[in-house]
């Protein structure tokens, strides 16, 4: 599997939120983040957010 390495910052340790990714899990974590922010998934994400927002009063 080829791992894409974007040129942006992704936190792997942030004490306030409890985010702490072990060194041996960083590549898997970055791949997961990339898949979630991949522009190819934008339309699906918008659809899911619209459906989710419809279930919340006031949104």
PDB file of N, CA and C in Angstrom:
ATOM      1  N   UNK A   1       0.844  -1.174   0.000  1.00  0.00           N
ATOM      2  CA  UNK A   1       0.000   0.000   0.000  1.00  0.00           C
ATOM      3  C   UNK A   1       0.889   1.237   0.000  1.00  0.00           C
ATOM      4  N   UNK A   2       0.619   2.148  -0.908  1.00  0.00           N
ATOM      5  CA  UNK A   2       1.353   3.404  -0.946  1.00  0.00           C
ATOM      6  C   UNK A   2       0.707   4.375   0.032  1.00  0.00           C
ATOM      7  N   UNK A   3       1.503   4.994   0.846  1.00  0.00           N
ATOM      8  CA  UNK A   3       0.989   5.946   1.819  1.00  0.00           C
ATOM      9  C   UNK A   3       1.230   7.348   1.286  1.00  0.00           C
ATOM     10  N   UNK A   4       0.160   8.108   1.172  1.00  0.00           N
ATOM     11  CA  UNK A   4       0.240   9.485   0.701  1.00  0.00           C
ATOM     12  C   UNK A   4       0.687  10.366   1.852  1.00  0.00           C
ATOM     13  N   UNK A   5       1.619  11.232   1.595  1.00  0.00           N
ATOM     14  CA  UNK A   5       2.108  12.147   2.617  1.00  0.00           C
ATOM     15  C   UNK A   5       1.850  13.590   2.190  1.00  0.00           C
ATOM     16  N   UNK A   6       0.738  14.154   2.641  1.00  0.00           N
ATOM     17  CA  UNK A   6       0.438  15.541   2.267  1.00  0.00           C
ATOM     18  C   UNK A   6       1.403  16.511   2.928  1.00  0.00           C
ATOM     19  N   UNK A   7       1.407  17.733   2.485  1.00  0.00           N
ATOM     20  CA  UNK A   7       2.325  18.732   3.028  1.00  0.00           C
ATOM     21  C   UNK A   7       1.627  19.622   4.052  1.00  0.00           C
ATOM     22  N   UNK A   8       0.782  19.041   4.881  1.00  0.00           N
ATOM     23  CA  UNK A   8       0.111  19.791   5.928  1.00  0.00           C
ATOM     24  C   UNK A   8       0.407  19.137   7.280  1.00  0.00           C
ATOM     25  N   UNK A   9      -0.002  19.787   8.332  1.00  0.00           N
ATOM     26  CA  UNK A   9       0.247  19.263   9.671  1.00  0.00           C
ATOM     27  C   UNK A   9      -0.952  18.491  10.187  1.00  0.00           C
ATOM     28  N   UNK A  10      -0.682  17.341  10.761  1.00  0.00           N
ATOM     29  CA  UNK A  10      -1.705  16.533  11.407  1.00  0.00           C
ATOM     30  C   UNK A  10      -1.179  16.213  12.795  1.00  0.00           C
ATOM     31  N   UNK A  11      -1.889  16.639  13.844  1.00  0.00           N
ATOM     32  CA  UNK A  11      -1.378  16.397  15.192  1.00  0.00           C
ATOM     33  C   UNK A  11      -1.338  14.910  15.534  1.00  0.00           C
ATOM     34  N   UNK A  12      -0.236  14.472  16.085  1.00  0.00           N
ATOM     35  CA  UNK A  12      -0.134  13.093  16.554  1.00  0.00           C
ATOM     36  C   UNK A  12      -0.027  13.054  18.075  1.00  0.00           C
ATOM     37  N   UNK A  13       0.154  14.226  18.672  1.00  0.00           N
ATOM     38  CA  UNK A  13       0.174  14.318  20.137  1.00  0.00           C
ATOM     39  C   UNK A  13      -0.391  15.675  20.529  1.00  0.00           C
ATOM     40  N   UNK A  14      -1.418  15.640  21.346  1.00  0.00           N
ATOM     41  CA  UNK A  14      -2.039  16.864  21.828  1.00  0.00           C
ATOM     42  C   UNK A  14      -2.622  16.553  23.198  1.00  0.00           C
ATOM     43  N   UNK A  15      -1.936  16.968  24.235  1.00  0.00           N
ATOM     44  CA  UNK A  15      -2.301  16.574  25.596  1.00  0.00           C
ATOM     45  C   UNK A  15      -3.686  17.019  26.032  1.00  0.00           C
ATOM     46  N   UNK A  16      -4.150  18.173  25.585  1.00  0.00           N
ATOM     47  CA  UNK A  16      -5.457  18.672  26.026  1.00  0.00           C
ATOM     48  C   UNK A  16      -6.603  17.768  25.614  1.00  0.00           C
ATOM     49  N   UNK A  17      -6.475  17.096  24.479  1.00  0.00           N
ATOM     50  CA  UNK A  17      -7.559  16.236  24.006  1.00  0.00           C
ATOM     51  C   UNK A  17      -7.278  14.763  24.218  1.00  0.00           C
ATOM     52  N   UNK A  18      -6.094  14.454  24.689  1.00  0.00           N
ATOM     53  CA  UNK A  18      -5.741  13.064  24.906  1.00  0.00           C
ATOM     54  C   UNK A  18      -5.255  12.355  23.654  1.00  0.00           C
ATOM     55  N   UNK A  19      -5.011  13.117  22.579  1.00  0.00           N
ATOM     56  CA  UNK A  19      -4.490  12.521  21.350  1.00  0.00           C
ATOM     57  C   UNK A  19      -3.022  12.189  21.545  1.00  0.00           C
ATOM     58  N   UNK A  20      -2.706  10.932  21.432  1.00  0.00           N
ATOM     59  CA  UNK A  20      -1.310  10.506  21.537  1.00  0.00           C
ATOM     60  C   UNK A  20      -1.169   9.222  20.720  1.00  0.00           C
ATOM     61  N   UNK A  21      -0.590   9.348  19.542  1.00  0.00           N
ATOM     62  CA  UNK A  21      -0.440   8.230  18.628  1.00  0.00           C
ATOM     63  C   UNK A  21       0.949   7.630  18.822  1.00  0.00           C
ATOM     64  N   UNK A  22       1.001   6.336  19.058  1.00  0.00           N
ATOM     65  CA  UNK A  22       2.283   5.650  19.246  1.00  0.00           C
ATOM     66  C   UNK A  22       3.105   5.724  17.962  1.00  0.00           C
ATOM     67  N   UNK A  23       4.424   5.777  18.107  1.00  0.00           N
ATOM     68  CA  UNK A  23       5.316   5.891  16.955  1.00  0.00           C
ATOM     69  C   UNK A  23       5.048   4.840  15.890  1.00  0.00           C
ATOM     70  N   UNK A  24       4.773   3.616  16.297  1.00  0.00           N
ATOM     71  CA  UNK A  24       4.563   2.549  15.315  1.00  0.00           C
ATOM     72  C   UNK A  24       3.178   2.602  14.667  1.00  0.00           C
ATOM     73  N   UNK A  25       2.287   3.509  15.116  1.00  0.00           N
ATOM     74  CA  UNK A  25       0.947   3.648  14.550  1.00  0.00           C
ATOM     75  C   UNK A  25       0.768   4.914  13.718  1.00  0.00           C
ATOM     76  N   UNK A  26       1.804   5.735  13.621  1.00  0.00           N
ATOM     77  CA  UNK A  26       1.682   7.025  12.937  1.00  0.00           C
ATOM     78  C   UNK A  26       1.300   6.867  11.474  1.00  0.00           C
ATOM     79  N   UNK A  27       1.942   5.961  10.744  1.00  0.00           N
ATOM     80  CA  UNK A  27       1.630   5.797   9.321  1.00  0.00           C
ATOM     81  C   UNK A  27       0.175   5.407   9.106  1.00  0.00           C
ATOM     82  N   UNK A  28      -0.330   4.486   9.911  1.00  0.00           N
ATOM     83  CA  UNK A  28      -1.736   4.078   9.785  1.00  0.00           C
ATOM     84  C   UNK A  28      -2.669   5.242  10.113  1.00  0.00           C
ATOM     85  N   UNK A  29      -2.328   5.998  11.137  1.00  0.00           N
ATOM     86  CA  UNK A  29      -3.137   7.149  11.539  1.00  0.00           C
ATOM     87  C   UNK A  29      -3.180   8.201  10.434  1.00  0.00           C
ATOM     88  N   UNK A  30      -2.034   8.501   9.847  1.00  0.00           N
ATOM     89  CA  UNK A  30      -1.987   9.496   8.782  1.00  0.00           C
ATOM     90  C   UNK A  30      -2.769   9.037   7.555  1.00  0.00           C
ATOM     91  N   UNK A  31      -2.714   7.767   7.244  1.00  0.00           N
ATOM     92  CA  UNK A  31      -3.487   7.240   6.124  1.00  0.00           C
ATOM     93  C   UNK A  31      -4.985   7.388   6.394  1.00  0.00           C
ATOM     94  N   UNK A  32      -5.396   7.106   7.610  1.00  0.00           N
ATOM     95  CA  UNK A  32      -6.811   7.248   7.985  1.00  0.00           C
ATOM     96  C   UNK A  32      -7.261   8.702   7.872  1.00  0.00           C
ATOM     97  N   UNK A  33      -6.426   9.619   8.349  1.00  0.00           N
ATOM     98  CA  UNK A  33      -6.755  11.043   8.260  1.00  0.00           C
ATOM     99  C   UNK A  33      -6.870  11.461   6.795  1.00  0.00           C
ATOM    100  N   UNK A  34      -5.924  11.039   5.978  1.00  0.00           N
ATOM    101  CA  UNK A  34      -5.960  11.400   4.564  1.00  0.00           C
ATOM    102  C   UNK A  34      -7.253  10.909   3.909  1.00  0.00           C
ATOM    103  N   UNK A  35      -7.646   9.699   4.204  1.00  0.00           N
ATOM    104  CA  UNK A  35      -8.867   9.156   3.610  1.00  0.00           C
ATOM    105  C   UNK A  35     -10.087   9.986   4.003  1.00  0.00           C
ATOM    106  N   UNK A  36     -10.077  10.536   5.205  1.00  0.00           N
ATOM    107  CA  UNK A  36     -11.211  11.333   5.664  1.00  0.00           C
ATOM    108  C   UNK A  36     -11.229  12.738   5.071  1.00  0.00           C
ATOM    109  N   UNK A  37     -10.069  13.278   4.711  1.00  0.00           N
ATOM    110  CA  UNK A  37     -10.021  14.634   4.161  1.00  0.00           C
ATOM    111  C   UNK A  37      -9.768  14.643   2.658  1.00  0.00           C
ATOM    112  N   UNK A  38      -9.763  13.496   2.043  1.00  0.00           N
ATOM    113  CA  UNK A  38      -9.529  13.382   0.610  1.00  0.00           C
ATOM    114  C   UNK A  38     -10.619  14.146  -0.154  1.00  0.00           C
ATOM    115  N   UNK A  39     -10.245  15.068  -1.028  1.00  0.00           N
ATOM    116  CA  UNK A  39     -11.244  15.833  -1.775  1.00  0.00           C
ATOM    117  C   UNK A  39     -12.211  14.965  -2.583  1.00  0.00           C
ATOM    118  N   UNK A  40     -11.810  13.770  -2.927  1.00  0.00           N
ATOM    119  CA  UNK A  40     -12.685  12.880  -3.695  1.00  0.00           C
ATOM    120  C   UNK A  40     -13.909  12.456  -2.883  1.00  0.00           C
ATOM    121  N   UNK A  41     -13.855  12.577  -1.565  1.00  0.00           N
ATOM    122  CA  UNK A  41     -14.980  12.170  -0.716  1.00  0.00           C
ATOM    123  C   UNK A  41     -15.852  13.352  -0.287  1.00  0.00           C
ATOM    124  N   UNK A  42     -15.583  14.534  -0.811  1.00  0.00           N
ATOM    125  CA  UNK A  42     -16.271  15.755  -0.395  1.00  0.00           C
ATOM    126  C   UNK A  42     -17.789  15.668  -0.585  1.00  0.00           C
ATOM    127  N   UNK A  43     -18.233  15.234  -1.776  1.00  0.00           N
ATOM    128  CA  UNK A  43     -19.674  15.175  -2.043  1.00  0.00           C
ATOM    129  C   UNK A  43     -20.381  14.209  -1.094  1.00  0.00           C
ATOM    130  N   UNK A  44     -19.780  13.059  -0.836  1.00  0.00           N
ATOM    131  CA  UNK A  44     -20.368  12.087   0.094  1.00  0.00           C
ATOM    132  C   UNK A  44     -20.434  12.675   1.506  1.00  0.00           C
ATOM    133  N   UNK A  45     -19.379  13.377   1.916  1.00  0.00           N
ATOM    134  CA  UNK A  45     -19.342  13.988   3.239  1.00  0.00           C
ATOM    135  C   UNK A  45     -20.460  15.022   3.366  1.00  0.00           C
ATOM    136  N   UNK A  46     -20.620  15.867   2.349  1.00  0.00           N
ATOM    137  CA  UNK A  46     -21.680  16.880   2.405  1.00  0.00           C
ATOM    138  C   UNK A  46     -23.048  16.226   2.537  1.00  0.00           C
ATOM    139  N   UNK A  47     -23.275  15.154   1.797  1.00  0.00           N
ATOM    140  CA  UNK A  47     -24.549  14.439   1.864  1.00  0.00           C
ATOM    141  C   UNK A  47     -24.787  13.875   3.271  1.00  0.00           C
ATOM    142  N   UNK A  48     -23.766  13.262   3.840  1.00  0.00           N
ATOM    143  CA  UNK A  48     -23.885  12.695   5.188  1.00  0.00           C
ATOM    144  C   UNK A  48     -24.151  13.785   6.218  1.00  0.00           C
ATOM    145  N   UNK A  49     -23.492  14.940   6.088  1.00  0.00           N
ATOM    146  CA  UNK A  49     -23.683  16.032   7.034  1.00  0.00           C
ATOM    147  C   UNK A  49     -25.097  16.611   6.917  1.00  0.00           C
ATOM    148  N   UNK A  50     -25.587  16.704   5.700  1.00  0.00           N
ATOM    149  CA  UNK A  50     -26.949  17.206   5.506  1.00  0.00           C
ATOM    150  C   UNK A  50     -27.961  16.259   6.156  1.00  0.00           C
ATOM    151  N   UNK A  51     -27.773  14.955   5.958  1.00  0.00           N
ATOM    152  CA  UNK A  51     -28.661  13.966   6.591  1.00  0.00           C
ATOM    153  C   UNK A  51     -28.555  14.047   8.107  1.00  0.00           C
ATOM    154  N   UNK A  52     -27.339  14.165   8.630  1.00  0.00           N
ATOM    155  CA  UNK A  52     -27.123  14.236  10.074  1.00  0.00           C
ATOM    156  C   UNK A  52     -27.770  15.504  10.642  1.00  0.00           C
ATOM    157  N   UNK A  53     -27.572  16.636   9.961  1.00  0.00           N
ATOM    158  CA  UNK A  53     -28.142  17.907  10.426  1.00  0.00           C
ATOM    159  C   UNK A  53     -29.653  17.869  10.476  1.00  0.00           C
ATOM    160  N   UNK A  54     -30.271  17.100   9.603  1.00  0.00           N
ATOM    161  CA  UNK A  54     -31.725  16.999   9.593  1.00  0.00           C
ATOM    162  C   UNK A  54     -32.275  16.266  10.791  1.00  0.00           C
ATOM    163  N   UNK A  55     -31.433  15.551  11.524  1.00  0.00           N
ATOM    164  CA  UNK A  55     -31.875  14.818  12.702  1.00  0.00           C
ATOM    165  C   UNK A  55     -31.749  15.649  13.977  1.00  0.00           C
ATOM    166  N   UNK A  56     -31.169  16.844  13.855  1.00  0.00           N
ATOM    167  CA  UNK A  56     -30.938  17.684  15.038  1.00  0.00           C
ATOM    168  C   UNK A  56     -31.859  18.904  15.022  1.00  0.00           C
ATOM    169  N   UNK A  57     -32.577  19.142  16.095  1.00  0.00           N
ATOM    170  CA  UNK A  57     -33.438  20.322  16.144  1.00  0.00           C
ATOM    171  C   UNK A  57     -32.612  21.600  16.096  1.00  0.00           C
ATOM    172  N   UNK A  58     -33.075  22.569  15.355  1.00  0.00           N
ATOM    173  CA  UNK A  58     -32.412  23.869  15.308  1.00  0.00           C
ATOM    174  C   UNK A  58     -31.294  23.962  14.291  1.00  0.00           C
ATOM    175  N   UNK A  59     -30.990  22.885  13.579  1.00  0.00           N
ATOM    176  CA  UNK A  59     -29.908  22.956  12.584  1.00  0.00           C
ATOM    177  C   UNK A  59     -30.473  23.075  11.200  1.00  0.00           C
TER     178      UNK A  59
END
